[in-house]
Structures are given as C-alpha cells and as structure tokens.
N, C-alpha and C. Protein backbone atom coordinates (compact mmCIF):
# COMPACT_ATOMS: atom_id res chain seq x y z
N MET A 1 -32.49 62.23 17.17
CA MET A 1 -32.11 62.88 15.94
C MET A 1 -31.72 61.84 14.87
N TYR A 2 -30.78 60.97 15.21
CA TYR A 2 -30.37 59.93 14.26
C TYR A 2 -31.08 58.63 14.58
N GLN A 3 -31.24 57.79 13.56
CA GLN A 3 -31.81 56.45 13.72
C GLN A 3 -31.00 55.48 12.88
N ASP A 4 -30.89 54.22 13.36
CA ASP A 4 -30.22 53.21 12.55
C ASP A 4 -30.88 53.16 11.17
N GLU A 5 -30.05 53.02 10.15
CA GLU A 5 -30.55 53.05 8.78
C GLU A 5 -30.02 51.83 8.02
N LYS A 6 -30.87 51.14 7.31
CA LYS A 6 -30.47 49.98 6.51
C LYS A 6 -30.00 50.46 5.15
N LEU A 7 -28.81 50.02 4.74
CA LEU A 7 -28.25 50.38 3.44
C LEU A 7 -27.83 49.11 2.71
N ILE A 8 -27.64 49.20 1.41
CA ILE A 8 -27.20 48.07 0.59
C ILE A 8 -25.77 48.34 0.11
N CYS A 9 -24.91 47.35 0.31
CA CYS A 9 -23.50 47.46 -0.09
C CYS A 9 -23.38 47.51 -1.61
N GLU A 10 -22.63 48.47 -2.09
CA GLU A 10 -22.41 48.65 -3.53
C GLU A 10 -21.61 47.49 -4.14
N ASP A 11 -20.73 46.87 -3.35
CA ASP A 11 -19.86 45.81 -3.89
C ASP A 11 -20.49 44.43 -3.82
N CYS A 12 -20.97 44.03 -2.63
CA CYS A 12 -21.45 42.66 -2.46
C CYS A 12 -22.97 42.54 -2.45
N GLY A 13 -23.68 43.66 -2.34
CA GLY A 13 -25.14 43.64 -2.36
C GLY A 13 -25.79 43.29 -1.01
N ALA A 14 -24.98 43.10 0.01
CA ALA A 14 -25.52 42.75 1.34
C ALA A 14 -26.12 43.99 2.00
N GLU A 15 -27.12 43.72 2.84
CA GLU A 15 -27.71 44.80 3.61
C GLU A 15 -26.87 45.01 4.87
N PHE A 16 -26.60 46.26 5.21
CA PHE A 16 -25.87 46.57 6.44
C PHE A 16 -26.51 47.76 7.12
N THR A 17 -26.21 47.90 8.41
CA THR A 17 -26.82 48.96 9.21
C THR A 17 -25.84 50.11 9.40
N PHE A 18 -26.30 51.30 9.06
CA PHE A 18 -25.56 52.54 9.31
C PHE A 18 -26.06 53.01 10.67
N THR A 19 -25.30 52.68 11.71
CA THR A 19 -25.77 52.88 13.09
C THR A 19 -25.79 54.35 13.49
N VAL A 20 -26.48 54.62 14.59
CA VAL A 20 -26.54 55.97 15.15
C VAL A 20 -25.13 56.46 15.47
N GLY A 21 -24.32 55.60 16.08
CA GLY A 21 -22.95 55.97 16.43
C GLY A 21 -22.12 56.33 15.20
N GLU A 22 -22.27 55.54 14.13
CA GLU A 22 -21.55 55.84 12.89
C GLU A 22 -22.02 57.16 12.29
N GLN A 23 -23.32 57.41 12.34
CA GLN A 23 -23.86 58.66 11.81
C GLN A 23 -23.32 59.86 12.59
N GLU A 24 -23.24 59.72 13.90
CA GLU A 24 -22.69 60.80 14.73
C GLU A 24 -21.22 61.03 14.39
N PHE A 25 -20.48 59.94 14.20
CA PHE A 25 -19.06 60.05 13.83
C PHE A 25 -18.92 60.77 12.50
N TYR A 26 -19.72 60.38 11.51
CA TYR A 26 -19.68 61.03 10.20
C TYR A 26 -19.96 62.53 10.33
N ALA A 27 -20.96 62.87 11.15
CA ALA A 27 -21.33 64.28 11.34
C ALA A 27 -20.18 65.05 12.00
N GLU A 28 -19.54 64.44 13.01
CA GLU A 28 -18.40 65.08 13.69
C GLU A 28 -17.27 65.39 12.72
N LYS A 29 -17.03 64.47 11.80
CA LYS A 29 -15.93 64.61 10.85
C LYS A 29 -16.32 65.44 9.62
N GLY A 30 -17.56 65.85 9.56
CA GLY A 30 -18.02 66.67 8.43
C GLY A 30 -18.29 65.86 7.17
N LEU A 31 -18.47 64.56 7.32
CA LEU A 31 -18.75 63.70 6.17
C LEU A 31 -20.25 63.75 5.86
N VAL A 32 -20.60 64.02 4.63
CA VAL A 32 -22.01 64.19 4.29
C VAL A 32 -22.59 63.00 3.54
N ASN A 33 -21.76 62.21 2.88
CA ASN A 33 -22.25 61.05 2.12
C ASN A 33 -22.33 59.83 3.02
N LYS A 34 -23.36 59.05 2.83
CA LYS A 34 -23.52 57.80 3.58
C LYS A 34 -22.53 56.78 3.02
N PRO A 35 -22.14 55.79 3.83
CA PRO A 35 -21.23 54.76 3.31
C PRO A 35 -21.91 53.96 2.21
N LYS A 36 -21.11 53.56 1.21
CA LYS A 36 -21.64 52.79 0.09
C LYS A 36 -21.31 51.31 0.23
N ARG A 37 -20.39 50.99 1.15
CA ARG A 37 -19.94 49.61 1.30
C ARG A 37 -20.10 49.15 2.75
N CYS A 38 -20.36 47.87 2.92
CA CYS A 38 -20.43 47.30 4.26
C CYS A 38 -19.02 47.29 4.86
N SER A 39 -18.91 47.08 6.16
CA SER A 39 -17.60 47.16 6.81
C SER A 39 -16.61 46.14 6.25
N GLU A 40 -17.08 44.95 5.90
CA GLU A 40 -16.19 43.92 5.35
C GLU A 40 -15.63 44.35 3.99
N CYS A 41 -16.47 44.88 3.13
CA CYS A 41 -16.01 45.34 1.80
C CYS A 41 -15.10 46.56 1.93
N ARG A 42 -15.36 47.45 2.90
CA ARG A 42 -14.47 48.60 3.12
C ARG A 42 -13.09 48.13 3.54
N LYS A 43 -13.07 47.13 4.44
CA LYS A 43 -11.80 46.59 4.91
C LYS A 43 -11.01 45.95 3.75
N LEU A 44 -11.69 45.15 2.93
CA LEU A 44 -11.04 44.52 1.79
C LEU A 44 -10.51 45.55 0.80
N ARG A 45 -11.28 46.59 0.57
CA ARG A 45 -10.87 47.65 -0.36
C ARG A 45 -9.62 48.37 0.15
N ARG A 46 -9.57 48.68 1.45
CA ARG A 46 -8.39 49.34 2.02
C ARG A 46 -7.15 48.45 1.89
N GLN A 47 -7.31 47.15 2.12
CA GLN A 47 -6.18 46.23 2.02
C GLN A 47 -5.66 46.16 0.59
N LYS A 48 -6.54 46.14 -0.38
CA LYS A 48 -6.13 46.08 -1.78
C LYS A 48 -5.35 47.33 -2.17
N VAL A 49 -5.81 48.48 -1.71
CA VAL A 49 -5.15 49.74 -2.05
C VAL A 49 -3.76 49.79 -1.45
N ARG A 50 -3.61 49.33 -0.24
CA ARG A 50 -2.34 49.40 0.47
C ARG A 50 -1.35 48.33 0.05
N ARG A 51 -1.80 47.26 -0.51
CA ARG A 51 -0.96 46.10 -0.72
C ARG A 51 -0.48 45.89 -2.15
N LYS A 52 0.00 46.91 -2.80
CA LYS A 52 0.56 46.71 -4.12
C LYS A 52 1.87 45.96 -3.94
N MET A 53 2.01 44.85 -4.62
CA MET A 53 3.19 44.01 -4.47
C MET A 53 4.07 44.11 -5.72
N PHE A 54 5.37 44.01 -5.50
CA PHE A 54 6.35 44.11 -6.59
C PHE A 54 7.15 42.83 -6.67
N ASP A 55 7.50 42.44 -7.90
CA ASP A 55 8.34 41.26 -8.11
C ASP A 55 9.77 41.58 -7.76
N ALA A 56 10.47 40.60 -7.17
CA ALA A 56 11.87 40.78 -6.80
C ALA A 56 12.55 39.42 -6.76
N THR A 57 13.87 39.45 -6.74
CA THR A 57 14.67 38.24 -6.61
C THR A 57 15.44 38.33 -5.29
N CYS A 58 15.35 37.28 -4.49
CA CYS A 58 16.02 37.26 -3.20
C CYS A 58 17.53 37.32 -3.40
N ALA A 59 18.19 38.21 -2.67
CA ALA A 59 19.64 38.40 -2.79
C ALA A 59 20.42 37.23 -2.20
N LEU A 60 19.80 36.45 -1.31
CA LEU A 60 20.53 35.34 -0.68
C LEU A 60 20.33 34.01 -1.40
N CYS A 61 19.07 33.66 -1.68
CA CYS A 61 18.81 32.34 -2.27
C CYS A 61 18.43 32.38 -3.74
N GLY A 62 18.16 33.56 -4.28
CA GLY A 62 17.83 33.69 -5.70
C GLY A 62 16.38 33.38 -6.05
N ALA A 63 15.55 33.11 -5.06
CA ALA A 63 14.14 32.79 -5.31
C ALA A 63 13.37 34.03 -5.76
N GLN A 64 12.38 33.80 -6.63
CA GLN A 64 11.49 34.88 -7.03
C GLN A 64 10.51 35.11 -5.89
N THR A 65 10.25 36.36 -5.58
CA THR A 65 9.36 36.70 -4.47
C THR A 65 8.60 37.97 -4.79
N LYS A 66 7.63 38.30 -3.96
CA LYS A 66 6.89 39.55 -4.08
C LYS A 66 7.09 40.31 -2.77
N VAL A 67 7.29 41.62 -2.89
CA VAL A 67 7.51 42.47 -1.72
C VAL A 67 6.58 43.68 -1.79
N PRO A 68 6.19 44.24 -0.61
CA PRO A 68 5.24 45.35 -0.60
C PRO A 68 5.89 46.72 -0.80
N PHE A 69 7.06 46.75 -1.42
CA PHE A 69 7.74 48.02 -1.71
C PHE A 69 8.44 47.87 -3.05
N LYS A 70 8.73 48.97 -3.70
CA LYS A 70 9.41 48.93 -4.99
C LYS A 70 10.90 48.74 -4.75
N PRO A 71 11.45 47.62 -5.21
CA PRO A 71 12.89 47.37 -5.00
C PRO A 71 13.75 48.44 -5.70
N ILE A 72 14.82 48.81 -5.04
CA ILE A 72 15.75 49.80 -5.57
C ILE A 72 17.01 49.06 -6.01
N GLN A 73 17.44 49.32 -7.24
CA GLN A 73 18.61 48.64 -7.77
C GLN A 73 19.82 48.94 -6.88
N GLY A 74 20.58 47.90 -6.57
CA GLY A 74 21.75 48.05 -5.72
C GLY A 74 21.46 47.80 -4.25
N ARG A 75 20.19 47.64 -3.88
CA ARG A 75 19.81 47.34 -2.49
C ARG A 75 19.28 45.92 -2.42
N ALA A 76 19.77 45.15 -1.47
CA ALA A 76 19.38 43.75 -1.34
C ALA A 76 17.91 43.62 -0.94
N VAL A 77 17.25 42.64 -1.55
CA VAL A 77 15.88 42.29 -1.20
C VAL A 77 15.89 40.82 -0.82
N LEU A 78 15.22 40.48 0.28
CA LEU A 78 15.18 39.10 0.73
C LEU A 78 13.77 38.54 0.63
N CYS A 79 13.67 37.24 0.34
CA CYS A 79 12.38 36.57 0.39
C CYS A 79 11.99 36.45 1.87
N ARG A 80 10.77 36.09 2.12
CA ARG A 80 10.28 36.00 3.51
C ARG A 80 11.12 35.03 4.34
N GLU A 81 11.42 33.87 3.77
CA GLU A 81 12.18 32.85 4.50
C GLU A 81 13.58 33.35 4.88
N CYS A 82 14.30 33.94 3.93
CA CYS A 82 15.65 34.46 4.21
C CYS A 82 15.59 35.65 5.17
N PHE A 83 14.57 36.47 5.02
CA PHE A 83 14.42 37.60 5.93
C PHE A 83 14.24 37.13 7.36
N MET A 84 13.38 36.11 7.54
CA MET A 84 13.13 35.59 8.88
C MET A 84 14.39 34.95 9.46
N LYS A 85 15.10 34.19 8.65
CA LYS A 85 16.35 33.58 9.12
C LYS A 85 17.35 34.65 9.51
N ASN A 86 17.51 35.66 8.66
CA ASN A 86 18.46 36.74 8.89
C ASN A 86 18.08 37.54 10.13
N THR A 87 16.79 37.82 10.31
CA THR A 87 16.31 38.57 11.46
C THR A 87 16.55 37.79 12.75
N ASN A 88 16.27 36.48 12.73
CA ASN A 88 16.47 35.65 13.92
C ASN A 88 17.94 35.56 14.29
N ILE A 89 18.82 35.45 13.31
CA ILE A 89 20.26 35.39 13.57
C ILE A 89 20.72 36.70 14.20
N GLU A 90 20.32 37.83 13.63
CA GLU A 90 20.71 39.13 14.17
C GLU A 90 20.16 39.33 15.57
N GLY A 91 18.92 38.92 15.78
CA GLY A 91 18.31 39.07 17.10
C GLY A 91 19.03 38.26 18.15
N LYS A 92 19.45 37.02 17.80
CA LYS A 92 20.19 36.18 18.74
C LYS A 92 21.55 36.76 19.03
N GLN A 93 22.23 37.30 18.00
CA GLN A 93 23.55 37.89 18.20
C GLN A 93 23.46 39.10 19.12
N GLU A 94 22.45 39.93 18.92
CA GLU A 94 22.28 41.11 19.79
C GLU A 94 22.00 40.68 21.21
N GLN A 95 21.18 39.64 21.37
CA GLN A 95 20.84 39.15 22.70
C GLN A 95 22.09 38.59 23.41
N GLU A 96 22.91 37.83 22.66
CA GLU A 96 24.12 37.26 23.22
C GLU A 96 25.09 38.36 23.66
N GLN A 97 25.19 39.42 22.87
CA GLN A 97 26.09 40.53 23.19
C GLN A 97 25.66 41.25 24.46
N THR A 98 24.36 41.41 24.66
CA THR A 98 23.87 42.12 25.85
C THR A 98 24.00 41.26 27.10
N GLU A 99 23.99 39.91 26.92
CA GLU A 99 24.14 39.01 28.06
C GLU A 99 25.57 38.94 28.56
N GLU A 100 26.54 39.21 27.69
CA GLU A 100 27.96 39.10 28.06
C GLU A 100 28.42 40.25 28.91
C-alpha cells in the first residue's frame, strides 16, 4: 500500500525519504499532509520554538545571563555557574545529613 517517497525539505532544500513506517504512523494519527521538512530541520525548528531565552541578572554574582523562563520580580535568578555551585553544595549537605 505505502512506498518510500522522496521529498524535498522546505527549509534546507535537501532530499529526504518519507518512509513506509512514517507514512503508516501519519495515517494512524490521522495526519493527511506530508512532512515539509527533513528530520534535522524539524528537530532544529522544535528547539527554536521551545528555547525562548530571557535576560536576567544573577542574584549571587550580579552577572548578566539568559534563562529559559521569564524571571519574576522578587524571585532570585542564578547564572549557570552559581546555580551549579549552589546545587552541588545543597546536594552534598543532603548527602552528609543522610549519612549521619
């Protein structure tokens, strides 16, 4: 019933294969349109949509940073470095408490 089909990616222009398995999956889900993008471009597009970054100032060191959530006034935001230091300290303290 289905056969592998060669398609052209709308974003990068590369040729990609719309496989029999993918066609069956689309049919199961009730999807009627063929994919317009190759798997790599679909992945990049999903990452861009999900990764809106917001500017913030680290509450500990004052460095400018970007975070994947909208900062709320009155709530501390940490840069990656301070977050990792803070997380490691808390993790060690919890571990020490459980060992005692």
